[in-house]
């Protein structure tokens, strides 16, 4: 069992974007297209079928619900309904082998460390980052595109401590 939780986009955010076609951060309109890139969908964390699936592009604050200061950026979700990624399912397989940047943050949006992973060995890097006392959560970003994919947090202790 992983020592961390994978926090995908909240279901209510995806539902609202699909229903209103408005960005939850900026109230700007969304943009819909047939996938031209692999993604991932920020809700289900699966890659897009390039040239086949439709996706919605919108502005999202990756620090929503964790920090008071925003840092908005572009994200995609499937236009059709999909299921939110299970927080306890470990690292998303569709993303594991990609070039990734792990931005490790402490409270107050303080950047404590940056790690780059290209070989899929994400668990060792996450374990190392999440054992640091100055790290509260990690943003996983696509190194090539530079965009936010999801957040990783420590898993709750099974001992209740």
C-alpha atoms as a PDB file:
ATOM      1  CA  UNK A   1       0.000   0.000   0.000  1.00  0.00           C
ATOM      2  CA  UNK A   2       1.444   3.409  -0.936  1.00  0.00           C
ATOM      3  CA  UNK A   3       2.486   5.831   1.787  1.00  0.00           C
ATOM      4  CA  UNK A   4       0.769   8.614  -0.117  1.00  0.00           C
ATOM      5  CA  UNK A   5      -2.592   9.651  -1.563  1.00  0.00           C
ATOM      6  CA  UNK A   6      -3.106  10.908  -5.126  1.00  0.00           C
ATOM      7  CA  UNK A   7      -5.437  13.919  -5.141  1.00  0.00           C
ATOM      8  CA  UNK A   8      -7.036  14.389  -8.553  1.00  0.00           C
ATOM      9  CA  UNK A   9      -9.301  17.283  -9.473  1.00  0.00           C
ATOM     10  CA  UNK A  10     -12.441  17.326  -7.319  1.00  0.00           C
ATOM     11  CA  UNK A  11     -15.500  15.705  -8.877  1.00  0.00           C
ATOM     12  CA  UNK A  12     -17.662  18.773  -8.199  1.00  0.00           C
ATOM     13  CA  UNK A  13     -15.214  20.969 -10.137  1.00  0.00           C
ATOM     14  CA  UNK A  14     -15.320  18.692 -13.187  1.00  0.00           C
ATOM     15  CA  UNK A  15     -19.118  18.440 -12.970  1.00  0.00           C
ATOM     16  CA  UNK A  16     -19.463  22.246 -12.846  1.00  0.00           C
ATOM     17  CA  UNK A  17     -17.065  22.777 -15.763  1.00  0.00           C
ATOM     18  CA  UNK A  18     -18.930  20.239 -17.879  1.00  0.00           C
ATOM     19  CA  UNK A  19     -22.320  21.752 -17.010  1.00  0.00           C
ATOM     20  CA  UNK A  20     -21.487  25.461 -17.309  1.00  0.00           C
ATOM     21  CA  UNK A  21     -18.478  25.526 -19.668  1.00  0.00           C
ATOM     22  CA  UNK A  22     -17.009  28.165 -17.341  1.00  0.00           C
ATOM     23  CA  UNK A  23     -13.649  28.044 -15.535  1.00  0.00           C
ATOM     24  CA  UNK A  24     -14.116  27.780 -11.746  1.00  0.00           C
ATOM     25  CA  UNK A  25     -11.106  30.033 -11.155  1.00  0.00           C
ATOM     26  CA  UNK A  26     -11.599  32.928 -13.525  1.00  0.00           C
ATOM     27  CA  UNK A  27     -15.160  32.625 -14.841  1.00  0.00           C
ATOM     28  CA  UNK A  28     -13.663  32.565 -18.339  1.00  0.00           C
ATOM     29  CA  UNK A  29     -15.233  30.290 -20.939  1.00  0.00           C
ATOM     30  CA  UNK A  30     -13.723  26.880 -21.500  1.00  0.00           C
ATOM     31  CA  UNK A  31     -12.432  25.514 -24.794  1.00  0.00           C
ATOM     32  CA  UNK A  32     -13.394  22.102 -26.184  1.00  0.00           C
ATOM     33  CA  UNK A  33     -11.306  20.193 -28.728  1.00  0.00           C
ATOM     34  CA  UNK A  34     -10.472  16.726 -29.951  1.00  0.00           C
ATOM     35  CA  UNK A  35      -7.393  15.662 -27.981  1.00  0.00           C
ATOM     36  CA  UNK A  36      -4.154  16.697 -29.656  1.00  0.00           C
ATOM     37  CA  UNK A  37      -1.990  15.602 -26.744  1.00  0.00           C
ATOM     38  CA  UNK A  38      -1.862  12.781 -24.230  1.00  0.00           C
ATOM     39  CA  UNK A  39      -3.085  14.798 -21.250  1.00  0.00           C
ATOM     40  CA  UNK A  40      -3.888  13.399 -18.714  1.00  0.00           C
ATOM     41  CA  UNK A  41      -7.470  14.115 -17.756  1.00  0.00           C
ATOM     42  CA  UNK A  42      -7.093  15.786 -14.355  1.00  0.00           C
ATOM     43  CA  UNK A  43     -10.101  13.897 -12.977  1.00  0.00           C
ATOM     44  CA  UNK A  44      -9.581  10.232 -13.964  1.00  0.00           C
ATOM     45  CA  UNK A  45      -5.812  10.663 -14.574  1.00  0.00           C
ATOM     46  CA  UNK A  46      -5.953   8.579 -17.743  1.00  0.00           C
ATOM     47  CA  UNK A  47      -4.272   9.641 -20.967  1.00  0.00           C
ATOM     48  CA  UNK A  48      -6.431  11.035 -23.736  1.00  0.00           C
ATOM     49  CA  UNK A  49      -6.924   9.056 -26.936  1.00  0.00           C
ATOM     50  CA  UNK A  50      -5.280  11.540 -29.315  1.00  0.00           C
ATOM     51  CA  UNK A  51      -7.487  12.332 -32.280  1.00  0.00           C
ATOM     52  CA  UNK A  52     -10.479  10.509 -30.793  1.00  0.00           C
ATOM     53  CA  UNK A  53     -11.564  11.799 -27.378  1.00  0.00           C
ATOM     54  CA  UNK A  54     -12.875  15.295 -26.771  1.00  0.00           C
ATOM     55  CA  UNK A  55     -11.451  17.295 -23.897  1.00  0.00           C
ATOM     56  CA  UNK A  56     -12.258  20.530 -22.121  1.00  0.00           C
ATOM     57  CA  UNK A  57      -9.502  23.067 -21.460  1.00  0.00           C
ATOM     58  CA  UNK A  58      -9.991  25.497 -18.577  1.00  0.00           C
ATOM     59  CA  UNK A  59      -8.105  27.559 -16.028  1.00  0.00           C
ATOM     60  CA  UNK A  60      -7.672  25.906 -12.642  1.00  0.00           C
ATOM     61  CA  UNK A  61      -5.964  26.999  -9.430  1.00  0.00           C
ATOM     62  CA  UNK A  62      -3.745  24.088  -8.395  1.00  0.00           C
ATOM     63  CA  UNK A  63      -3.583  25.519  -4.863  1.00  0.00           C
ATOM     64  CA  UNK A  64      -7.375  25.644  -4.440  1.00  0.00           C
ATOM     65  CA  UNK A  65      -8.379  24.301  -1.030  1.00  0.00           C
ATOM     66  CA  UNK A  66      -4.742  24.187   0.178  1.00  0.00           C
ATOM     67  CA  UNK A  67      -3.404  27.746   0.075  1.00  0.00           C
ATOM     68  CA  UNK A  68      -4.887  31.251   0.067  1.00  0.00           C
ATOM     69  CA  UNK A  69      -2.740  32.559  -2.810  1.00  0.00           C
ATOM     70  CA  UNK A  70      -3.717  31.203  -6.245  1.00  0.00           C
ATOM     71  CA  UNK A  71      -1.464  29.978  -9.020  1.00  0.00           C
ATOM     72  CA  UNK A  72      -3.792  29.334 -11.965  1.00  0.00           C
ATOM     73  CA  UNK A  73      -2.910  27.399 -15.064  1.00  0.00           C
ATOM     74  CA  UNK A  74      -4.432  25.368 -17.884  1.00  0.00           C
ATOM     75  CA  UNK A  75      -5.820  21.861 -17.302  1.00  0.00           C
ATOM     76  CA  UNK A  76      -7.870  19.372 -19.317  1.00  0.00           C
ATOM     77  CA  UNK A  77     -10.666  16.968 -18.443  1.00  0.00           C
ATOM     78  CA  UNK A  78     -12.616  14.551 -20.615  1.00  0.00           C
ATOM     79  CA  UNK A  79     -15.697  16.168 -22.107  1.00  0.00           C
ATOM     80  CA  UNK A  80     -17.629  12.950 -21.400  1.00  0.00           C
ATOM     81  CA  UNK A  81     -18.151  11.859 -17.820  1.00  0.00           C
ATOM     82  CA  UNK A  82     -15.351   9.826 -16.261  1.00  0.00           C
ATOM     83  CA  UNK A  83     -14.678   8.541 -12.764  1.00  0.00           C
ATOM     84  CA  UNK A  84     -12.353  10.376 -10.375  1.00  0.00           C
ATOM     85  CA  UNK A  85      -9.073   8.593  -9.692  1.00  0.00           C
ATOM     86  CA  UNK A  86      -9.066   6.624  -6.428  1.00  0.00           C
ATOM     87  CA  UNK A  87      -6.814   8.461  -3.953  1.00  0.00           C
ATOM     88  CA  UNK A  88      -5.471   5.192  -2.514  1.00  0.00           C
ATOM     89  CA  UNK A  89      -4.747   3.477  -5.862  1.00  0.00           C
ATOM     90  CA  UNK A  90      -1.090   4.472  -5.976  1.00  0.00           C
ATOM     91  CA  UNK A  91       0.595   6.403  -8.738  1.00  0.00           C
ATOM     92  CA  UNK A  92      -1.471   6.581 -11.954  1.00  0.00           C
ATOM     93  CA  UNK A  93      -0.078   4.016 -14.436  1.00  0.00           C
ATOM     94  CA  UNK A  94      -0.756   6.229 -17.484  1.00  0.00           C
ATOM     95  CA  UNK A  95       1.517   8.923 -16.040  1.00  0.00           C
ATOM     96  CA  UNK A  96       4.260   6.898 -14.340  1.00  0.00           C
ATOM     97  CA  UNK A  97       6.584   6.590 -17.361  1.00  0.00           C
ATOM     98  CA  UNK A  98       6.451  10.226 -18.430  1.00  0.00           C
ATOM     99  CA  UNK A  99       9.016  12.923 -17.706  1.00  0.00           C
ATOM    100  CA  UNK A 100       7.678  14.458 -14.492  1.00  0.00           C
ATOM    101  CA  UNK A 101       8.535  17.328 -12.195  1.00  0.00           C
ATOM    102  CA  UNK A 102       7.717  16.976  -8.502  1.00  0.00           C
ATOM    103  CA  UNK A 103       7.358  20.350  -6.777  1.00  0.00           C
ATOM    104  CA  UNK A 104       7.398  19.757  -3.021  1.00  0.00           C
ATOM    105  CA  UNK A 105       5.688  22.463  -0.982  1.00  0.00           C
ATOM    106  CA  UNK A 106       5.429  23.435   2.661  1.00  0.00           C
ATOM    107  CA  UNK A 107       2.468  25.371   4.025  1.00  0.00           C
ATOM    108  CA  UNK A 108       2.295  28.925   2.755  1.00  0.00           C
ATOM    109  CA  UNK A 109       3.109  27.718  -0.759  1.00  0.00           C
ATOM    110  CA  UNK A 110       6.809  27.554   0.119  1.00  0.00           C
ATOM    111  CA  UNK A 111       8.702  25.547  -2.496  1.00  0.00           C
ATOM    112  CA  UNK A 112      10.930  23.196  -0.477  1.00  0.00           C
ATOM    113  CA  UNK A 113      12.322  20.938  -3.224  1.00  0.00           C
ATOM    114  CA  UNK A 114      12.084  20.070  -6.907  1.00  0.00           C
ATOM    115  CA  UNK A 115      12.793  16.577  -8.249  1.00  0.00           C
ATOM    116  CA  UNK A 116      12.739  15.356 -11.840  1.00  0.00           C
ATOM    117  CA  UNK A 117      11.765  11.780 -12.686  1.00  0.00           C
ATOM    118  CA  UNK A 118      12.130  10.246 -16.132  1.00  0.00           C
ATOM    119  CA  UNK A 119      12.539   6.552 -15.365  1.00  0.00           C
ATOM    120  CA  UNK A 120       9.188   5.842 -13.696  1.00  0.00           C
ATOM    121  CA  UNK A 121      10.759   5.436 -10.233  1.00  0.00           C
ATOM    122  CA  UNK A 122       8.208   7.777  -8.700  1.00  0.00           C
ATOM    123  CA  UNK A 123       7.635   5.915  -5.420  1.00  0.00           C
ATOM    124  CA  UNK A 124      11.192   6.326  -4.153  1.00  0.00           C
ATOM    125  CA  UNK A 125      11.169  10.041  -4.969  1.00  0.00           C
ATOM    126  CA  UNK A 126       7.768  10.595  -3.343  1.00  0.00           C
ATOM    127  CA  UNK A 127       8.821   8.661  -0.238  1.00  0.00           C
ATOM    128  CA  UNK A 128      11.965  10.788   0.041  1.00  0.00           C
ATOM    129  CA  UNK A 129      10.064  14.060  -0.408  1.00  0.00           C
ATOM    130  CA  UNK A 130       7.175  13.202   1.896  1.00  0.00           C
ATOM    131  CA  UNK A 131       9.486  12.193   4.761  1.00  0.00           C
ATOM    132  CA  UNK A 132      10.895  15.713   4.871  1.00  0.00           C
ATOM    133  CA  UNK A 133       9.451  17.802   7.707  1.00  0.00           C
ATOM    134  CA  UNK A 134       9.346  20.917   5.511  1.00  0.00           C
ATOM    135  CA  UNK A 135       7.144  19.224   2.860  1.00  0.00           C
ATOM    136  CA  UNK A 136       3.364  19.048   3.248  1.00  0.00           C
ATOM    137  CA  UNK A 137       2.363  18.056  -0.307  1.00  0.00           C
ATOM    138  CA  UNK A 138       3.778  17.566  -3.796  1.00  0.00           C
ATOM    139  CA  UNK A 139       2.471  18.897  -7.087  1.00  0.00           C
ATOM    140  CA  UNK A 140       3.122  16.484  -9.950  1.00  0.00           C
ATOM    141  CA  UNK A 141       3.656  18.335 -13.227  1.00  0.00           C
ATOM    142  CA  UNK A 142       4.401  17.303 -16.788  1.00  0.00           C
ATOM    143  CA  UNK A 143       8.023  18.309 -17.361  1.00  0.00           C
ATOM    144  CA  UNK A 144       7.611  18.884 -21.114  1.00  0.00           C
ATOM    145  CA  UNK A 145       4.412  20.959 -20.982  1.00  0.00           C
ATOM    146  CA  UNK A 146       5.076  22.405 -17.524  1.00  0.00           C
ATOM    147  CA  UNK A 147       1.467  21.995 -16.441  1.00  0.00           C
ATOM    148  CA  UNK A 148      -0.054  20.703 -13.214  1.00  0.00           C
ATOM    149  CA  UNK A 149      -1.388  17.137 -13.225  1.00  0.00           C
ATOM    150  CA  UNK A 150      -2.337  16.372  -9.599  1.00  0.00           C
ATOM    151  CA  UNK A 151      -1.315  16.665  -5.931  1.00  0.00           C
ATOM    152  CA  UNK A 152       0.221  14.012  -3.688  1.00  0.00           C
ATOM    153  CA  UNK A 153      -0.143  14.015   0.098  1.00  0.00           C
ATOM    154  CA  UNK A 154       0.950  11.655   2.865  1.00  0.00           C
ATOM    155  CA  UNK A 155      -1.485   8.821   3.486  1.00  0.00           C
ATOM    156  CA  UNK A 156      -3.200   8.961   6.874  1.00  0.00           C
ATOM    157  CA  UNK A 157      -1.432   6.865   9.466  1.00  0.00           C
ATOM    158  CA  UNK A 158      -3.125   3.497  10.021  1.00  0.00           C
ATOM    159  CA  UNK A 159      -2.159   3.668  13.704  1.00  0.00           C
ATOM    160  CA  UNK A 160      -4.201   6.844  14.151  1.00  0.00           C
ATOM    161  CA  UNK A 161      -1.107   8.717  15.312  1.00  0.00           C
END
